[in-house]
Amino acid sequence: MKSKYSAEEKFQVVMEPFTENVTQAEICRRHGIYPVQQTKWRGRFILGGRTTLAQRRNSDSRDEDIHDLKKIIGDQCCLFFSLFLLFLFVKIISNTSRYQY
């Protein structure tokens, strides 16, 4: 039995029952650990997943997203306004050219 297992090794031990049709005893025998150790690792894995799912996004990240979206909207409004002015200019030029003597 090893004294220390890497996070990757622990993950493989925890995930093995989901990928293979084997008993906990077989998994523990294969990896040289006690069933109680595998149960503890599985519990920590589940708790970590639950904690991660419960976390909310960082408000700073959300503020940055809002700032970026406002910049995009502002840029789009400027572009739209520029195209609108160009359209009016072309319209005015085409109307005045008709009436020149």
PDB file of N, CA and C in Angstrom:
ATOM      1  N   MET A   1       0.844  -1.189   0.000  1.00  0.00           N
ATOM      2  CA  MET A   1       0.000   0.000   0.000  1.00  0.00           C
ATOM      3  C   MET A   1       0.882   1.243   0.000  1.00  0.00           C
ATOM      4  N   LYS A   2       0.629   2.128  -0.957  1.00  0.00           N
ATOM      5  CA  LYS A   2       1.387   3.370  -1.035  1.00  0.00           C
ATOM      6  C   LYS A   2       0.996   4.284   0.119  1.00  0.00           C
ATOM      7  N   SER A   3       1.939   5.117   0.525  1.00  0.00           N
ATOM      8  CA  SER A   3       1.617   6.050   1.605  1.00  0.00           C
ATOM      9  C   SER A   3       0.942   7.316   1.074  1.00  0.00           C
ATOM     10  N   LYS A   4       1.245   7.687  -0.170  1.00  0.00           N
ATOM     11  CA  LYS A   4       0.642   8.889  -0.746  1.00  0.00           C
ATOM     12  C   LYS A   4       0.151   8.592  -2.160  1.00  0.00           C
ATOM     13  N   TYR A   5      -1.018   9.092  -2.462  1.00  0.00           N
ATOM     14  CA  TYR A   5      -1.599   8.955  -3.794  1.00  0.00           C
ATOM     15  C   TYR A   5      -1.792  10.355  -4.368  1.00  0.00           C
ATOM     16  N   SER A   6      -1.528  10.497  -5.648  1.00  0.00           N
ATOM     17  CA  SER A   6      -1.736  11.791  -6.306  1.00  0.00           C
ATOM     18  C   SER A   6      -3.235  12.036  -6.472  1.00  0.00           C
ATOM     19  N   ALA A   7      -3.567  13.264  -6.756  1.00  0.00           N
ATOM     20  CA  ALA A   7      -4.971  13.612  -6.988  1.00  0.00           C
ATOM     21  C   ALA A   7      -5.520  12.844  -8.189  1.00  0.00           C
ATOM     22  N   GLU A   8      -4.690  12.647  -9.206  1.00  0.00           N
ATOM     23  CA  GLU A   8      -5.125  11.904 -10.395  1.00  0.00           C
ATOM     24  C   GLU A   8      -5.406  10.446 -10.058  1.00  0.00           C
ATOM     25  N   GLU A   9      -4.564   9.838  -9.228  1.00  0.00           N
ATOM     26  CA  GLU A   9      -4.775   8.436  -8.822  1.00  0.00           C
ATOM     27  C   GLU A   9      -6.052   8.307  -7.997  1.00  0.00           C
ATOM     28  N   LYS A  10      -6.272   9.251  -7.098  1.00  0.00           N
ATOM     29  CA  LYS A  10      -7.492   9.227  -6.276  1.00  0.00           C
ATOM     30  C   LYS A  10      -8.726   9.373  -7.164  1.00  0.00           C
ATOM     31  N   PHE A  11      -8.632  10.277  -8.136  1.00  0.00           N
ATOM     32  CA  PHE A  11      -9.745  10.487  -9.060  1.00  0.00           C
ATOM     33  C   PHE A  11     -10.064   9.207  -9.827  1.00  0.00           C
ATOM     34  N   GLN A  12      -9.028   8.516 -10.299  1.00  0.00           N
ATOM     35  CA  GLN A  12      -9.239   7.264 -11.030  1.00  0.00           C
ATOM     36  C   GLN A  12      -9.909   6.218 -10.145  1.00  0.00           C
ATOM     37  N   VAL A  13      -9.489   6.135  -8.885  1.00  0.00           N
ATOM     38  CA  VAL A  13     -10.080   5.163  -7.959  1.00  0.00           C
ATOM     39  C   VAL A  13     -11.553   5.496  -7.717  1.00  0.00           C
ATOM     40  N   VAL A  14     -11.861   6.784  -7.572  1.00  0.00           N
ATOM     41  CA  VAL A  14     -13.244   7.199  -7.318  1.00  0.00           C
ATOM     42  C   VAL A  14     -14.122   6.954  -8.548  1.00  0.00           C
ATOM     43  N   MET A  15     -13.584   7.176  -9.732  1.00  0.00           N
ATOM     44  CA  MET A  15     -14.375   7.062 -10.954  1.00  0.00           C
ATOM     45  C   MET A  15     -14.488   5.633 -11.491  1.00  0.00           C
ATOM     46  N   GLU A  16     -13.650   4.742 -11.041  1.00  0.00           N
ATOM     47  CA  GLU A  16     -13.653   3.377 -11.567  1.00  0.00           C
ATOM     48  C   GLU A  16     -15.014   2.672 -11.499  1.00  0.00           C
ATOM     49  N   PRO A  17     -15.755   2.775 -10.407  1.00  0.00           N
ATOM     50  CA  PRO A  17     -17.062   2.094 -10.383  1.00  0.00           C
ATOM     51  C   PRO A  17     -18.025   2.591 -11.462  1.00  0.00           C
ATOM     52  N   PHE A  18     -17.832   3.831 -11.939  1.00  0.00           N
ATOM     53  CA  PHE A  18     -18.711   4.378 -12.966  1.00  0.00           C
ATOM     54  C   PHE A  18     -18.313   3.917 -14.363  1.00  0.00           C
ATOM     55  N   THR A  19     -17.038   3.573 -14.535  1.00  0.00           N
ATOM     56  CA  THR A  19     -16.560   3.198 -15.865  1.00  0.00           C
ATOM     57  C   THR A  19     -16.474   1.688 -16.056  1.00  0.00           C
ATOM     58  N   GLU A  20     -16.361   0.946 -14.957  1.00  0.00           N
ATOM     59  CA  GLU A  20     -16.261  -0.510 -15.043  1.00  0.00           C
ATOM     60  C   GLU A  20     -17.302  -1.140 -14.119  1.00  0.00           C
ATOM     61  N   ASN A  21     -17.710  -2.324 -14.449  1.00  0.00           N
ATOM     62  CA  ASN A  21     -18.681  -3.038 -13.633  1.00  0.00           C
ATOM     63  C   ASN A  21     -17.920  -3.915 -12.632  1.00  0.00           C
ATOM     64  N   VAL A  22     -17.365  -3.278 -11.600  1.00  0.00           N
ATOM     65  CA  VAL A  22     -16.579  -3.995 -10.587  1.00  0.00           C
ATOM     66  C   VAL A  22     -17.043  -3.581  -9.199  1.00  0.00           C
ATOM     67  N   THR A  23     -16.750  -4.423  -8.226  1.00  0.00           N
ATOM     68  CA  THR A  23     -17.144  -4.133  -6.851  1.00  0.00           C
ATOM     69  C   THR A  23     -16.100  -3.239  -6.190  1.00  0.00           C
ATOM     70  N   GLN A  24     -16.506  -2.654  -5.090  1.00  0.00           N
ATOM     71  CA  GLN A  24     -15.586  -1.813  -4.326  1.00  0.00           C
ATOM     72  C   GLN A  24     -14.396  -2.646  -3.842  1.00  0.00           C
ATOM     73  N   ALA A  25     -14.650  -3.875  -3.434  1.00  0.00           N
ATOM     74  CA  ALA A  25     -13.572  -4.749  -2.957  1.00  0.00           C
ATOM     75  C   ALA A  25     -12.535  -4.983  -4.054  1.00  0.00           C
ATOM     76  N   GLU A  26     -13.000  -5.210  -5.286  1.00  0.00           N
ATOM     77  CA  GLU A  26     -12.067  -5.418  -6.395  1.00  0.00           C
ATOM     78  C   GLU A  26     -11.211  -4.183  -6.648  1.00  0.00           C
ATOM     79  N   ILE A  27     -11.861  -3.023  -6.633  1.00  0.00           N
ATOM     80  CA  ILE A  27     -11.136  -1.771  -6.866  1.00  0.00           C
ATOM     81  C   ILE A  27     -10.075  -1.569  -5.788  1.00  0.00           C
ATOM     82  N   CYS A  28     -10.458  -1.764  -4.561  1.00  0.00           N
ATOM     83  CA  CYS A  28      -9.528  -1.561  -3.457  1.00  0.00           C
ATOM     84  C   CYS A  28      -8.374  -2.562  -3.514  1.00  0.00           C
ATOM     85  N   ARG A  29      -8.670  -3.788  -3.842  1.00  0.00           N
ATOM     86  CA  ARG A  29      -7.633  -4.812  -3.966  1.00  0.00           C
ATOM     87  C   ARG A  29      -6.659  -4.440  -5.094  1.00  0.00           C
ATOM     88  N   ARG A  30      -7.205  -3.992  -6.206  1.00  0.00           N
ATOM     89  CA  ARG A  30      -6.394  -3.622  -7.370  1.00  0.00           C
ATOM     90  C   ARG A  30      -5.434  -2.472  -7.051  1.00  0.00           C
ATOM     91  N   HIS A  31      -5.916  -1.514  -6.252  1.00  0.00           N
ATOM     92  CA  HIS A  31      -5.111  -0.321  -5.956  1.00  0.00           C
ATOM     93  C   HIS A  31      -4.384  -0.404  -4.616  1.00  0.00           C
ATOM     94  N   GLY A  32      -4.627  -1.467  -3.880  1.00  0.00           N
ATOM     95  CA  GLY A  32      -3.947  -1.648  -2.603  1.00  0.00           C
ATOM     96  C   GLY A  32      -4.384  -0.672  -1.525  1.00  0.00           C
ATOM     97  N   ILE A  33      -5.686  -0.380  -1.486  1.00  0.00           N
ATOM     98  CA  ILE A  33      -6.213   0.516  -0.443  1.00  0.00           C
ATOM     99  C   ILE A  33      -7.333  -0.182   0.299  1.00  0.00           C
ATOM    100  N   TYR A  34      -7.666   0.357   1.458  1.00  0.00           N
ATOM    101  CA  TYR A  34      -8.785  -0.172   2.234  1.00  0.00           C
ATOM    102  C   TYR A  34     -10.091   0.435   1.720  1.00  0.00           C
ATOM    103  N   PRO A  35     -11.195  -0.305   1.814  1.00  0.00           N
ATOM    104  CA  PRO A  35     -12.486   0.224   1.352  1.00  0.00           C
ATOM    105  C   PRO A  35     -12.860   1.552   2.024  1.00  0.00           C
ATOM    106  N   VAL A  36     -12.508   1.700   3.296  1.00  0.00           N
ATOM    107  CA  VAL A  36     -12.846   2.945   3.986  1.00  0.00           C
ATOM    108  C   VAL A  36     -12.127   4.132   3.339  1.00  0.00           C
ATOM    109  N   GLN A  37     -10.913   3.898   2.821  1.00  0.00           N
ATOM    110  CA  GLN A  37     -10.169   4.975   2.154  1.00  0.00           C
ATOM    111  C   GLN A  37     -10.862   5.389   0.860  1.00  0.00           C
ATOM    112  N   GLN A  38     -11.310   4.416   0.105  1.00  0.00           N
ATOM    113  CA  GLN A  38     -12.020   4.728  -1.142  1.00  0.00           C
ATOM    114  C   GLN A  38     -13.319   5.471  -0.839  1.00  0.00           C
ATOM    115  N   THR A  39     -13.994   5.082   0.223  1.00  0.00           N
ATOM    116  CA  THR A  39     -15.232   5.748   0.621  1.00  0.00           C
ATOM    117  C   THR A  39     -14.962   7.201   1.014  1.00  0.00           C
ATOM    118  N   LYS A  40     -13.867   7.448   1.727  1.00  0.00           N
ATOM    119  CA  LYS A  40     -13.503   8.821   2.115  1.00  0.00           C
ATOM    120  C   LYS A  40     -13.194   9.665   0.878  1.00  0.00           C
ATOM    121  N   TRP A  41     -12.435   9.093  -0.058  1.00  0.00           N
ATOM    122  CA  TRP A  41     -12.095   9.827  -1.274  1.00  0.00           C
ATOM    123  C   TRP A  41     -13.346  10.161  -2.072  1.00  0.00           C
ATOM    124  N   ARG A  42     -14.268   9.199  -2.162  1.00  0.00           N
ATOM    125  CA  ARG A  42     -15.518   9.431  -2.892  1.00  0.00           C
ATOM    126  C   ARG A  42     -16.326  10.539  -2.210  1.00  0.00           C
ATOM    127  N   GLY A  43     -16.372  10.521  -0.877  1.00  0.00           N
ATOM    128  CA  GLY A  43     -17.099  11.559  -0.136  1.00  0.00           C
ATOM    129  C   GLY A  43     -16.502  12.939  -0.376  1.00  0.00           C
ATOM    130  N   ARG A  44     -15.178  13.025  -0.358  1.00  0.00           N
ATOM    131  CA  ARG A  44     -14.515  14.315  -0.619  1.00  0.00           C
ATOM    132  C   ARG A  44     -14.775  14.782  -2.051  1.00  0.00           C
ATOM    133  N   PHE A  45     -14.766  13.842  -2.969  1.00  0.00           N
ATOM    134  CA  PHE A  45     -15.028  14.162  -4.371  1.00  0.00           C
ATOM    135  C   PHE A  45     -16.431  14.732  -4.532  1.00  0.00           C
ATOM    136  N   ILE A  46     -17.396  14.089  -3.926  1.00  0.00           N
ATOM    137  CA  ILE A  46     -18.795  14.541  -4.011  1.00  0.00           C
ATOM    138  C   ILE A  46     -18.949  15.902  -3.326  1.00  0.00           C
ATOM    139  N   LEU A  47     -18.335  16.074  -2.169  1.00  0.00           N
ATOM    140  CA  LEU A  47     -18.410  17.347  -1.456  1.00  0.00           C
ATOM    141  C   LEU A  47     -17.785  18.467  -2.285  1.00  0.00           C
ATOM    142  N   GLY A  48     -16.640  18.181  -2.922  1.00  0.00           N
ATOM    143  CA  GLY A  48     -15.997  19.176  -3.776  1.00  0.00           C
ATOM    144  C   GLY A  48     -16.868  19.563  -4.945  1.00  0.00           C
ATOM    145  N   GLY A  49     -17.526  18.590  -5.554  1.00  0.00           N
ATOM    146  CA  GLY A  49     -18.430  18.878  -6.662  1.00  0.00           C
ATOM    147  C   GLY A  49     -19.618  19.705  -6.215  1.00  0.00           C
ATOM    148  N   ARG A  50     -20.154  19.377  -5.056  1.00  0.00           N
ATOM    149  CA  ARG A  50     -21.301  20.116  -4.521  1.00  0.00           C
ATOM    150  C   ARG A  50     -20.897  21.561  -4.223  1.00  0.00           C
ATOM    151  N   THR A  51     -19.712  21.745  -3.646  1.00  0.00           N
ATOM    152  CA  THR A  51     -19.220  23.083  -3.332  1.00  0.00           C
ATOM    153  C   THR A  51     -19.023  23.895  -4.600  1.00  0.00           C
ATOM    154  N   THR A  52     -18.450  23.274  -5.607  1.00  0.00           N
ATOM    155  CA  THR A  52     -18.217  23.962  -6.873  1.00  0.00           C
ATOM    156  C   THR A  52     -19.530  24.371  -7.516  1.00  0.00           C
ATOM    157  N   LEU A  53     -20.507  23.495  -7.492  1.00  0.00           N
ATOM    158  CA  LEU A  53     -21.799  23.819  -8.093  1.00  0.00           C
ATOM    159  C   LEU A  53     -22.517  24.923  -7.326  1.00  0.00           C
ATOM    160  N   ALA A  54     -22.272  25.026  -6.028  1.00  0.00           N
ATOM    161  CA  ALA A  54     -22.947  26.029  -5.207  1.00  0.00           C
ATOM    162  C   ALA A  54     -22.304  27.411  -5.330  1.00  0.00           C
ATOM    163  N   GLN A  55     -21.082  27.487  -5.829  1.00  0.00           N
ATOM    164  CA  GLN A  55     -20.393  28.767  -5.921  1.00  0.00           C
ATOM    165  C   GLN A  55     -21.056  29.650  -6.959  1.00  0.00           C
ATOM    166  N   ARG A  56     -21.083  30.939  -6.646  1.00  0.00           N
ATOM    167  CA  ARG A  56     -21.593  31.918  -7.594  1.00  0.00           C
ATOM    168  C   ARG A  56     -20.425  32.560  -8.310  1.00  0.00           C
ATOM    169  N   ARG A  57     -20.725  33.157  -9.426  1.00  0.00           N
ATOM    170  CA  ARG A  57     -19.673  33.856 -10.166  1.00  0.00           C
ATOM    171  C   ARG A  57     -19.179  35.044  -9.360  1.00  0.00           C
ATOM    172  N   ASN A  58     -17.944  35.342  -9.532  1.00  0.00           N
ATOM    173  CA  ASN A  58     -17.318  36.473  -8.876  1.00  0.00           C
ATOM    174  C   ASN A  58     -17.952  37.761  -9.383  1.00  0.00           C
ATOM    175  N   SER A  59     -18.323  38.671  -8.465  1.00  0.00           N
ATOM    176  CA  SER A  59     -18.988  39.903  -8.890  1.00  0.00           C
ATOM    177  C   SER A  59     -18.058  40.774  -9.721  1.00  0.00           C
ATOM    178  N   ASP A  60     -16.737  40.709  -9.475  1.00  0.00           N
ATOM    179  CA  ASP A  60     -15.800  41.476 -10.295  1.00  0.00           C
ATOM    180  C   ASP A  60     -15.851  40.998 -11.739  1.00  0.00           C
ATOM    181  N   SER A  61     -15.932  39.699 -11.928  1.00  0.00           N
ATOM    182  CA  SER A  61     -16.021  39.133 -13.272  1.00  0.00           C
ATOM    183  C   SER A  61     -17.305  39.590 -13.953  1.00  0.00           C
ATOM    184  N   ARG A  62     -18.381  39.618 -13.191  1.00  0.00           N
ATOM    185  CA  ARG A  62     -19.672  40.051 -13.734  1.00  0.00           C
ATOM    186  C   ARG A  62     -19.602  41.531 -14.126  1.00  0.00           C
ATOM    187  N   ASP A  63     -18.945  42.355 -13.296  1.00  0.00           N
ATOM    188  CA  ASP A  63     -18.798  43.778 -13.612  1.00  0.00           C
ATOM    189  C   ASP A  63     -17.978  43.969 -14.886  1.00  0.00           C
ATOM    190  N   GLU A  64     -16.934  43.164 -15.056  1.00  0.00           N
ATOM    191  CA  GLU A  64     -16.130  43.249 -16.273  1.00  0.00           C
ATOM    192  C   GLU A  64     -16.960  42.872 -17.496  1.00  0.00           C
ATOM    193  N   ASP A  65     -17.800  41.843 -17.362  1.00  0.00           N
ATOM    194  CA  ASP A  65     -18.665  41.436 -18.471  1.00  0.00           C
ATOM    195  C   ASP A  65     -19.629  42.555 -18.846  1.00  0.00           C
ATOM    196  N   ILE A  66     -20.205  43.206 -17.832  1.00  0.00           N
ATOM    197  CA  ILE A  66     -21.141  44.302 -18.081  1.00  0.00           C
ATOM    198  C   ILE A  66     -20.424  45.448 -18.783  1.00  0.00           C
ATOM    199  N   HIS A  67     -19.219  45.766 -18.321  1.00  0.00           N
ATOM    200  CA  HIS A  67     -18.432  46.832 -18.944  1.00  0.00           C
ATOM    201  C   HIS A  67     -18.142  46.510 -20.405  1.00  0.00           C
ATOM    202  N   ASP A  68     -17.748  45.277 -20.673  1.00  0.00           N
ATOM    203  CA  ASP A  68     -17.460  44.864 -22.049  1.00  0.00           C
ATOM    204  C   ASP A  68     -18.705  44.970 -22.930  1.00  0.00           C
ATOM    205  N   LEU A  69     -19.846  44.538 -22.407  1.00  0.00           N
ATOM    206  CA  LEU A  69     -21.083  44.605 -23.190  1.00  0.00           C
ATOM    207  C   LEU A  69     -21.496  46.049 -23.469  1.00  0.00           C
ATOM    208  N   LYS A  70     -21.319  46.925 -22.482  1.00  0.00           N
ATOM    209  CA  LYS A  70     -21.641  48.342 -22.690  1.00  0.00           C
ATOM    210  C   LYS A  70     -20.751  48.934 -23.778  1.00  0.00           C
ATOM    211  N   LYS A  71     -19.486  48.558 -23.787  1.00  0.00           N
ATOM    212  CA  LYS A  71     -18.571  49.050 -24.815  1.00  0.00           C
ATOM    213  C   LYS A  71     -19.016  48.566 -26.194  1.00  0.00           C
ATOM    214  N   ILE A  72     -19.389  47.304 -26.295  1.00  0.00           N
ATOM    215  CA  ILE A  72     -19.848  46.757 -27.575  1.00  0.00           C
ATOM    216  C   ILE A  72     -21.104  47.483 -28.040  1.00  0.00           C
ATOM    217  N   ILE A  73     -22.048  47.710 -27.129  1.00  0.00           N
ATOM    218  CA  ILE A  73     -23.288  48.409 -27.489  1.00  0.00           C
ATOM    219  C   ILE A  73     -22.983  49.830 -27.923  1.00  0.00           C
ATOM    220  N   GLY A  74     -22.083  50.508 -27.210  1.00  0.00           N
ATOM    221  CA  GLY A  74     -21.698  51.872 -27.590  1.00  0.00           C
ATOM    222  C   GLY A  74     -21.064  51.906 -28.967  1.00  0.00           C
ATOM    223  N   ASP A  75     -20.174  50.959 -29.230  1.00  0.00           N
ATOM    224  CA  ASP A  75     -19.538  50.894 -30.550  1.00  0.00           C
ATOM    225  C   ASP A  75     -20.570  50.654 -31.640  1.00  0.00           C
ATOM    226  N   GLN A  76     -21.529  49.784 -31.386  1.00  0.00           N
ATOM    227  CA  GLN A  76     -22.566  49.489 -32.376  1.00  0.00           C
ATOM    228  C   GLN A  76     -23.452  50.711 -32.619  1.00  0.00           C
ATOM    229  N   CYS A  77     -23.756  51.451 -31.550  1.00  0.00           N
ATOM    230  CA  CYS A  77     -24.570  52.665 -31.706  1.00  0.00           C
ATOM    231  C   CYS A  77     -23.835  53.701 -32.548  1.00  0.00           C
ATOM    232  N   CYS A  78     -22.526  53.869 -32.308  1.00  0.00           N
ATOM    233  CA  CYS A  78     -21.728  54.812 -33.102  1.00  0.00           C
ATOM    234  C   CYS A  78     -21.710  54.397 -34.570  1.00  0.00           C
ATOM    235  N   LEU A  79     -21.545  53.129 -34.814  1.00  0.00           N
ATOM    236  CA  LEU A  79     -21.539  52.630 -36.187  1.00  0.00           C
ATOM    237  C   LEU A  79     -22.893  52.872 -36.852  1.00  0.00           C
ATOM    238  N   PHE A  80     -23.958  52.558 -36.144  1.00  0.00           N
ATOM    239  CA  PHE A  80     -25.303  52.759 -36.689  1.00  0.00           C
ATOM    240  C   PHE A  80     -25.540  54.233 -36.993  1.00  0.00           C
ATOM    241  N   PHE A  81     -25.164  55.119 -36.069  1.00  0.00           N
ATOM    242  CA  PHE A  81     -25.361  56.550 -36.259  1.00  0.00           C
ATOM    243  C   PHE A  81     -24.553  57.048 -37.459  1.00  0.00           C
ATOM    244  N   SER A  82     -23.318  56.553 -37.600  1.00  0.00           N
ATOM    245  CA  SER A  82     -22.480  56.948 -38.745  1.00  0.00           C
ATOM    246  C   SER A  82     -23.120  56.511 -40.059  1.00  0.00           C
ATOM    247  N   LEU A  83     -23.627  55.296 -40.104  1.00  0.00           N
ATOM    248  CA  LEU A  83     -24.297  54.818 -41.316  1.00  0.00           C
ATOM    249  C   LEU A  83     -25.564  55.623 -41.610  1.00  0.00           C
ATOM    250  N   PHE A  84     -26.278  56.007 -40.550  1.00  0.00           N
ATOM    251  CA  PHE A  84     -27.486  56.811 -40.722  1.00  0.00           C
ATOM    252  C   PHE A  84     -27.131  58.179 -41.314  1.00  0.00           C
ATOM    253  N   LEU A  85     -26.070  58.811 -40.796  1.00  0.00           N
ATOM    254  CA  LEU A  85     -25.642  60.106 -41.331  1.00  0.00           C
ATOM    255  C   LEU A  85     -25.187  59.976 -42.785  1.00  0.00           C
ATOM    256  N   LEU A  86     -24.481  58.920 -43.093  1.00  0.00           N
ATOM    257  CA  LEU A  86     -24.049  58.681 -44.470  1.00  0.00           C
ATOM    258  C   LEU A  86     -25.264  58.524 -45.388  1.00  0.00           C
ATOM    259  N   PHE A  87     -26.262  57.792 -44.929  1.00  0.00           N
ATOM    260  CA  PHE A  87     -27.491  57.613 -45.703  1.00  0.00           C
ATOM    261  C   PHE A  87     -28.158  58.963 -45.954  1.00  0.00           C
ATOM    262  N   LEU A  88     -28.266  59.795 -44.900  1.00  0.00           N
ATOM    263  CA  LEU A  88     -28.887  61.118 -45.066  1.00  0.00           C
ATOM    264  C   LEU A  88     -28.087  61.977 -46.038  1.00  0.00           C
ATOM    265  N   PHE A  89     -26.773  61.938 -45.922  1.00  0.00           N
ATOM    266  CA  PHE A  89     -25.915  62.722 -46.808  1.00  0.00           C
ATOM    267  C   PHE A  89     -26.118  62.302 -48.260  1.00  0.00           C
ATOM    268  N   VAL A  90     -26.128  61.018 -48.512  1.00  0.00           N
ATOM    269  CA  VAL A  90     -26.333  60.517 -49.873  1.00  0.00           C
ATOM    270  C   VAL A  90     -27.710  60.912 -50.374  1.00  0.00           C
ATOM    271  N   LYS A  91     -28.698  60.833 -49.527  1.00  0.00           N
ATOM    272  CA  LYS A  91     -30.075  61.196 -49.893  1.00  0.00           C
ATOM    273  C   LYS A  91     -30.157  62.675 -50.245  1.00  0.00           C
ATOM    274  N   ILE A  92     -29.521  63.511 -49.430  1.00  0.00           N
ATOM    275  CA  ILE A  92     -29.552  64.962 -49.677  1.00  0.00           C
ATOM    276  C   ILE A  92     -28.819  65.292 -50.977  1.00  0.00           C
ATOM    277  N   ILE A  93     -27.653  64.689 -51.165  1.00  0.00           N
ATOM    278  CA  ILE A  93     -26.870  64.939 -52.377  1.00  0.00           C
ATOM    279  C   ILE A  93     -27.648  64.493 -53.616  1.00  0.00           C
ATOM    280  N   SER A  94     -28.275  63.349 -53.549  1.00  0.00           N
ATOM    281  CA  SER A  94     -29.012  62.868 -54.730  1.00  0.00           C
ATOM    282  C   SER A  94     -30.229  63.723 -55.015  1.00  0.00           C
ATOM    283  N   ASN A  95     -30.874  64.266 -53.982  1.00  0.00           N
ATOM    284  CA  ASN A  95     -32.057  65.132 -54.186  1.00  0.00           C
ATOM    285  C   ASN A  95     -31.639  66.491 -54.729  1.00  0.00           C
ATOM    286  N   THR A  96     -30.534  67.042 -54.259  1.00  0.00           N
ATOM    287  CA  THR A  96     -30.135  68.366 -54.725  1.00  0.00           C
ATOM    288  C   THR A  96     -29.568  68.319 -56.139  1.00  0.00           C
ATOM    289  N   SER A  97     -29.004  67.200 -56.525  1.00  0.00           N
ATOM    290  CA  SER A  97     -28.424  67.111 -57.871  1.00  0.00           C
ATOM    291  C   SER A  97     -29.527  67.111 -58.936  1.00  0.00           C
ATOM    292  N   ARG A  98     -30.700  66.725 -58.607  1.00  0.00           N
ATOM    293  CA  ARG A  98     -31.832  66.727 -59.561  1.00  0.00           C
ATOM    294  C   ARG A  98     -32.244  68.146 -59.934  1.00  0.00           C
ATOM    295  N   TYR A  99     -32.139  69.041 -58.986  1.00  0.00           N
ATOM    296  CA  TYR A  99     -32.685  70.390 -59.191  1.00  0.00           C
ATOM    297  C   TYR A  99     -31.626  71.390 -59.615  1.00  0.00           C
ATOM    298  N   GLN A 100     -30.456  70.983 -59.939  1.00  0.00           N
ATOM    299  CA  GLN A 100     -29.453  71.928 -60.397  1.00  0.00           C
ATOM    300  C   GLN A 100     -29.721  72.301 -61.849  1.00  0.00           C
ATOM    301  N   TYR A 101     -29.518  73.566 -62.190  1.00  0.00           N
ATOM    302  CA  TYR A 101     -29.808  74.077 -63.543  1.00  0.00           C
ATOM    303  C   TYR A 101     -28.577  74.158 -64.359  1.00  0.00           C
TER     304      TYR A 101
END
